């Protein structure tokens, strides 16, 4: 099972990351304009919390 995503804000860059069992980054996605616009819209299907990138 995948871990939850967490938002990392460095001040100049925002990223969603997943960590593995050792606490190291296993996956990283940059928050671009399209992702920030996507968060403002309602979807037809619901996903578990912090798993929004999984699914269709």
PDB file of N, CA and C in Angstrom:
ATOM      1  N   UNK A   1       0.834  -1.179   0.000  1.00  0.00           N
ATOM      2  CA  UNK A   1       0.000   0.000   0.000  1.00  0.00           C
ATOM      3  C   UNK A   1       0.881   1.246   0.000  1.00  0.00           C
ATOM      4  N   UNK A   2       0.515   2.222  -0.782  1.00  0.00           N
ATOM      5  CA  UNK A   2       1.278   3.456  -0.864  1.00  0.00           C
ATOM      6  C   UNK A   2       1.027   4.313   0.360  1.00  0.00           C
ATOM      7  N   UNK A   3       2.045   5.014   0.754  1.00  0.00           N
ATOM      8  CA  UNK A   3       1.906   5.954   1.869  1.00  0.00           C
ATOM      9  C   UNK A   3       1.214   7.213   1.389  1.00  0.00           C
ATOM     10  N   UNK A   4       0.815   8.046   2.346  1.00  0.00           N
ATOM     11  CA  UNK A   4       0.155   9.301   2.011  1.00  0.00           C
ATOM     12  C   UNK A   4       1.168  10.283   1.426  1.00  0.00           C
ATOM     13  N   UNK A   5       0.673  11.168   0.573  1.00  0.00           N
ATOM     14  CA  UNK A   5       1.513  12.229   0.047  1.00  0.00           C
ATOM     15  C   UNK A   5       1.587  13.348   1.076  1.00  0.00           C
ATOM     16  N   UNK A   6       2.703  14.047   1.081  1.00  0.00           N
ATOM     17  CA  UNK A   6       2.821  15.226   1.920  1.00  0.00           C
ATOM     18  C   UNK A   6       3.343  16.368   1.063  1.00  0.00           C
ATOM     19  N   UNK A   7       2.933  17.563   1.401  1.00  0.00           N
ATOM     20  CA  UNK A   7       3.332  18.748   0.653  1.00  0.00           C
ATOM     21  C   UNK A   7       4.595  19.321   1.275  1.00  0.00           C
ATOM     22  N   UNK A   8       5.630  19.475   0.452  1.00  0.00           N
ATOM     23  CA  UNK A   8       6.882  20.085   0.875  1.00  0.00           C
ATOM     24  C   UNK A   8       6.957  21.454   0.209  1.00  0.00           C
ATOM     25  N   UNK A   9       7.073  22.510   1.009  1.00  0.00           N
ATOM     26  CA  UNK A   9       7.180  23.872   0.488  1.00  0.00           C
ATOM     27  C   UNK A   9       8.544  24.427   0.874  1.00  0.00           C
ATOM     28  N   UNK A  10       9.424  24.633  -0.110  1.00  0.00           N
ATOM     29  CA  UNK A  10      10.775  25.124   0.168  1.00  0.00           C
ATOM     30  C   UNK A  10      10.848  26.640   0.120  1.00  0.00           C
ATOM     31  N   UNK A  11       9.765  27.282  -0.211  1.00  0.00           N
ATOM     32  CA  UNK A  11       9.758  28.732  -0.358  1.00  0.00           C
ATOM     33  C   UNK A  11       9.820  29.146  -1.811  1.00  0.00           C
ATOM     34  N   UNK A  12      10.536  28.386  -2.624  1.00  0.00           N
ATOM     35  CA  UNK A  12      10.607  28.658  -4.063  1.00  0.00           C
ATOM     36  C   UNK A  12       9.924  27.576  -4.874  1.00  0.00           C
ATOM     37  N   UNK A  13       9.640  26.436  -4.250  1.00  0.00           N
ATOM     38  CA  UNK A  13       9.109  25.288  -4.972  1.00  0.00           C
ATOM     39  C   UNK A  13       8.159  24.535  -4.047  1.00  0.00           C
ATOM     40  N   UNK A  14       7.093  23.975  -4.613  1.00  0.00           N
ATOM     41  CA  UNK A  14       6.186  23.123  -3.848  1.00  0.00           C
ATOM     42  C   UNK A  14       6.144  21.765  -4.526  1.00  0.00           C
ATOM     43  N   UNK A  15       6.200  20.710  -3.725  1.00  0.00           N
ATOM     44  CA  UNK A  15       6.188  19.349  -4.245  1.00  0.00           C
ATOM     45  C   UNK A  15       5.340  18.459  -3.353  1.00  0.00           C
ATOM     46  N   UNK A  16       4.661  17.494  -3.970  1.00  0.00           N
ATOM     47  CA  UNK A  16       4.019  16.413  -3.237  1.00  0.00           C
ATOM     48  C   UNK A  16       4.991  15.237  -3.257  1.00  0.00           C
ATOM     49  N   UNK A  17       5.281  14.655  -2.107  1.00  0.00           N
ATOM     50  CA  UNK A  17       6.233  13.552  -2.036  1.00  0.00           C
ATOM     51  C   UNK A  17       5.628  12.400  -1.256  1.00  0.00           C
ATOM     52  N   UNK A  18       6.112  11.213  -1.554  1.00  0.00           N
ATOM     53  CA  UNK A  18       5.797  10.011  -0.790  1.00  0.00           C
ATOM     54  C   UNK A  18       7.107   9.493  -0.217  1.00  0.00           C
ATOM     55  N   UNK A  19       7.034   8.952   0.977  1.00  0.00           N
ATOM     56  CA  UNK A  19       8.226   8.398   1.613  1.00  0.00           C
ATOM     57  C   UNK A  19       8.093   6.884   1.717  1.00  0.00           C
ATOM     58  N   UNK A  20       9.248   6.190   1.653  1.00  0.00           N
ATOM     59  CA  UNK A  20       9.243   4.743   1.821  1.00  0.00           C
ATOM     60  C   UNK A  20       9.348   4.413   3.309  1.00  0.00           C
ATOM     61  N   UNK A  21       9.525   3.139   3.640  1.00  0.00           N
ATOM     62  CA  UNK A  21       9.553   2.704   5.035  1.00  0.00           C
ATOM     63  C   UNK A  21      10.740   3.284   5.812  1.00  0.00           C
ATOM     64  N   UNK A  22      11.830   3.614   5.095  1.00  0.00           N
ATOM     65  CA  UNK A  22      12.997   4.195   5.750  1.00  0.00           C
ATOM     66  C   UNK A  22      12.900   5.716   5.881  1.00  0.00           C
ATOM     67  N   UNK A  23      11.826   6.312   5.362  1.00  0.00           N
ATOM     68  CA  UNK A  23      11.644   7.746   5.450  1.00  0.00           C
ATOM     69  C   UNK A  23      12.260   8.527   4.310  1.00  0.00           C
ATOM     70  N   UNK A  24      12.786   7.818   3.304  1.00  0.00           N
ATOM     71  CA  UNK A  24      13.378   8.477   2.151  1.00  0.00           C
ATOM     72  C   UNK A  24      12.315   8.700   1.090  1.00  0.00           C
ATOM     73  N   UNK A  25      12.523   9.717   0.243  1.00  0.00           N
ATOM     74  CA  UNK A  25      11.560  10.016  -0.811  1.00  0.00           C
ATOM     75  C   UNK A  25      11.524   8.874  -1.818  1.00  0.00           C
ATOM     76  N   UNK A  26      10.314   8.389  -2.119  1.00  0.00           N
ATOM     77  CA  UNK A  26      10.175   7.339  -3.125  1.00  0.00           C
ATOM     78  C   UNK A  26       9.526   7.886  -4.396  1.00  0.00           C
ATOM     79  N   UNK A  27       8.792   8.999  -4.269  1.00  0.00           N
ATOM     80  CA  UNK A  27       8.098   9.573  -5.419  1.00  0.00           C
ATOM     81  C   UNK A  27       7.935  11.062  -5.168  1.00  0.00           C
ATOM     82  N   UNK A  28       8.070  11.872  -6.228  1.00  0.00           N
ATOM     83  CA  UNK A  28       7.970  13.311  -6.077  1.00  0.00           C
ATOM     84  C   UNK A  28       7.257  13.897  -7.287  1.00  0.00           C
ATOM     85  N   UNK A  29       6.282  14.784  -7.040  1.00  0.00           N
ATOM     86  CA  UNK A  29       5.559  15.471  -8.109  1.00  0.00           C
ATOM     87  C   UNK A  29       5.583  16.961  -7.849  1.00  0.00           C
ATOM     88  N   UNK A  30       5.982  17.720  -8.865  1.00  0.00           N
ATOM     89  CA  UNK A  30       6.005  19.178  -8.757  1.00  0.00           C
ATOM     90  C   UNK A  30       4.582  19.716  -8.817  1.00  0.00           C
ATOM     91  N   UNK A  31       4.282  20.711  -7.991  1.00  0.00           N
ATOM     92  CA  UNK A  31       2.971  21.350  -8.012  1.00  0.00           C
ATOM     93  C   UNK A  31       3.029  22.467  -9.041  1.00  0.00           C
ATOM     94  N   UNK A  32       2.449  22.223 -10.180  1.00  0.00           N
ATOM     95  CA  UNK A  32       2.447  23.213 -11.254  1.00  0.00           C
ATOM     96  C   UNK A  32       1.096  23.911 -11.293  1.00  0.00           C
ATOM     97  N   UNK A  33       0.913  24.780 -12.264  1.00  0.00           N
ATOM     98  CA  UNK A  33      -0.363  25.491 -12.390  1.00  0.00           C
ATOM     99  C   UNK A  33      -1.518  24.519 -12.575  1.00  0.00           C
ATOM    100  N   UNK A  34      -1.291  23.457 -13.340  1.00  0.00           N
ATOM    101  CA  UNK A  34      -2.384  22.533 -13.605  1.00  0.00           C
ATOM    102  C   UNK A  34      -2.808  21.795 -12.336  1.00  0.00           C
ATOM    103  N   UNK A  35      -1.848  21.416 -11.484  1.00  0.00           N
ATOM    104  CA  UNK A  35      -2.215  20.734 -10.240  1.00  0.00           C
ATOM    105  C   UNK A  35      -2.918  21.669  -9.278  1.00  0.00           C
ATOM    106  N   UNK A  36      -2.488  22.924  -9.223  1.00  0.00           N
ATOM    107  CA  UNK A  36      -3.149  23.852  -8.312  1.00  0.00           C
ATOM    108  C   UNK A  36      -4.553  24.187  -8.798  1.00  0.00           C
ATOM    109  N   UNK A  37      -4.763  24.262 -10.113  1.00  0.00           N
ATOM    110  CA  UNK A  37      -6.108  24.469 -10.654  1.00  0.00           C
ATOM    111  C   UNK A  37      -6.982  23.241 -10.413  1.00  0.00           C
ATOM    112  N   UNK A  38      -6.386  22.055 -10.525  1.00  0.00           N
ATOM    113  CA  UNK A  38      -7.119  20.814 -10.331  1.00  0.00           C
ATOM    114  C   UNK A  38      -7.647  20.712  -8.901  1.00  0.00           C
ATOM    115  N   UNK A  39      -6.900  21.219  -7.940  1.00  0.00           N
ATOM    116  CA  UNK A  39      -7.326  21.148  -6.542  1.00  0.00           C
ATOM    117  C   UNK A  39      -8.530  22.037  -6.267  1.00  0.00           C
ATOM    118  N   UNK A  40      -8.777  23.017  -7.108  1.00  0.00           N
ATOM    119  CA  UNK A  40      -9.892  23.932  -6.904  1.00  0.00           C
ATOM    120  C   UNK A  40     -11.195  23.432  -7.524  1.00  0.00           C
ATOM    121  N   UNK A  41     -11.147  22.321  -8.217  1.00  0.00           N
ATOM    122  CA  UNK A  41     -12.335  21.803  -8.892  1.00  0.00           C
ATOM    123  C   UNK A  41     -12.805  20.531  -8.228  1.00  0.00           C
ATOM    124  N   UNK A  42     -14.097  20.267  -8.344  1.00  0.00           N
ATOM    125  CA  UNK A  42     -14.679  19.075  -7.747  1.00  0.00           C
ATOM    126  C   UNK A  42     -14.685  17.942  -8.762  1.00  0.00           C
ATOM    127  N   UNK A  43     -14.319  16.764  -8.316  1.00  0.00           N
ATOM    128  CA  UNK A  43     -14.310  15.617  -9.206  1.00  0.00           C
ATOM    129  C   UNK A  43     -15.582  14.799  -9.024  1.00  0.00           C
ATOM    130  N   UNK A  44     -15.849  13.949  -9.984  1.00  0.00           N
ATOM    131  CA  UNK A  44     -17.025  13.100  -9.910  1.00  0.00           C
ATOM    132  C   UNK A  44     -16.818  11.900  -9.017  1.00  0.00           C
ATOM    133  N   UNK A  45     -15.564  11.480  -8.824  1.00  0.00           N
ATOM    134  CA  UNK A  45     -15.266  10.332  -7.980  1.00  0.00           C
ATOM    135  C   UNK A  45     -14.471  10.797  -6.771  1.00  0.00           C
ATOM    136  N   UNK A  46     -14.595  10.065  -5.675  1.00  0.00           N
ATOM    137  CA  UNK A  46     -13.846  10.428  -4.480  1.00  0.00           C
ATOM    138  C   UNK A  46     -12.723   9.429  -4.267  1.00  0.00           C
ATOM    139  N   UNK A  47     -11.618   9.904  -3.747  1.00  0.00           N
ATOM    140  CA  UNK A  47     -10.456   9.071  -3.462  1.00  0.00           C
ATOM    141  C   UNK A  47     -10.158   9.156  -1.974  1.00  0.00           C
ATOM    142  N   UNK A  48      -9.433   8.180  -1.427  1.00  0.00           N
ATOM    143  CA  UNK A  48      -9.024   8.286  -0.024  1.00  0.00           C
ATOM    144  C   UNK A  48      -8.152   9.530   0.189  1.00  0.00           C
ATOM    145  N   UNK A  49      -8.149  10.047   1.376  1.00  0.00           N
ATOM    146  CA  UNK A  49      -7.406  11.261   1.698  1.00  0.00           C
ATOM    147  C   UNK A  49      -5.919  11.092   1.355  1.00  0.00           C
ATOM    148  N   UNK A  50      -5.332  12.099   0.711  1.00  0.00           N
ATOM    149  CA  UNK A  50      -3.928  12.145   0.311  1.00  0.00           C
ATOM    150  C   UNK A  50      -3.550  11.078  -0.708  1.00  0.00           C
ATOM    151  N   UNK A  51      -4.503  10.539  -1.416  1.00  0.00           N
ATOM    152  CA  UNK A  51      -4.238   9.559  -2.471  1.00  0.00           C
ATOM    153  C   UNK A  51      -4.822  10.054  -3.791  1.00  0.00           C
ATOM    154  N   UNK A  52      -4.934  11.358  -3.967  1.00  0.00           N
ATOM    155  CA  UNK A  52      -5.614  11.933  -5.112  1.00  0.00           C
ATOM    156  C   UNK A  52      -4.966  11.670  -6.446  1.00  0.00           C
ATOM    157  N   UNK A  53      -3.682  11.304  -6.475  1.00  0.00           N
ATOM    158  CA  UNK A  53      -3.025  11.030  -7.741  1.00  0.00           C
ATOM    159  C   UNK A  53      -3.208   9.594  -8.188  1.00  0.00           C
ATOM    160  N   UNK A  54      -3.818   8.770  -7.375  1.00  0.00           N
ATOM    161  CA  UNK A  54      -4.076   7.364  -7.723  1.00  0.00           C
ATOM    162  C   UNK A  54      -5.470   7.238  -8.337  1.00  0.00           C
ATOM    163  N   UNK A  55      -5.654   6.293  -9.200  1.00  0.00           N
ATOM    164  CA  UNK A  55      -6.975   6.065  -9.761  1.00  0.00           C
ATOM    165  C   UNK A  55      -7.000   6.305 -11.262  1.00  0.00           C
ATOM    166  N   UNK A  56      -8.179   6.671 -11.803  1.00  0.00           N
ATOM    167  CA  UNK A  56      -8.347   6.812 -13.236  1.00  0.00           C
ATOM    168  C   UNK A  56      -7.496   7.961 -13.713  1.00  0.00           C
TER     169      UNK A  56
END
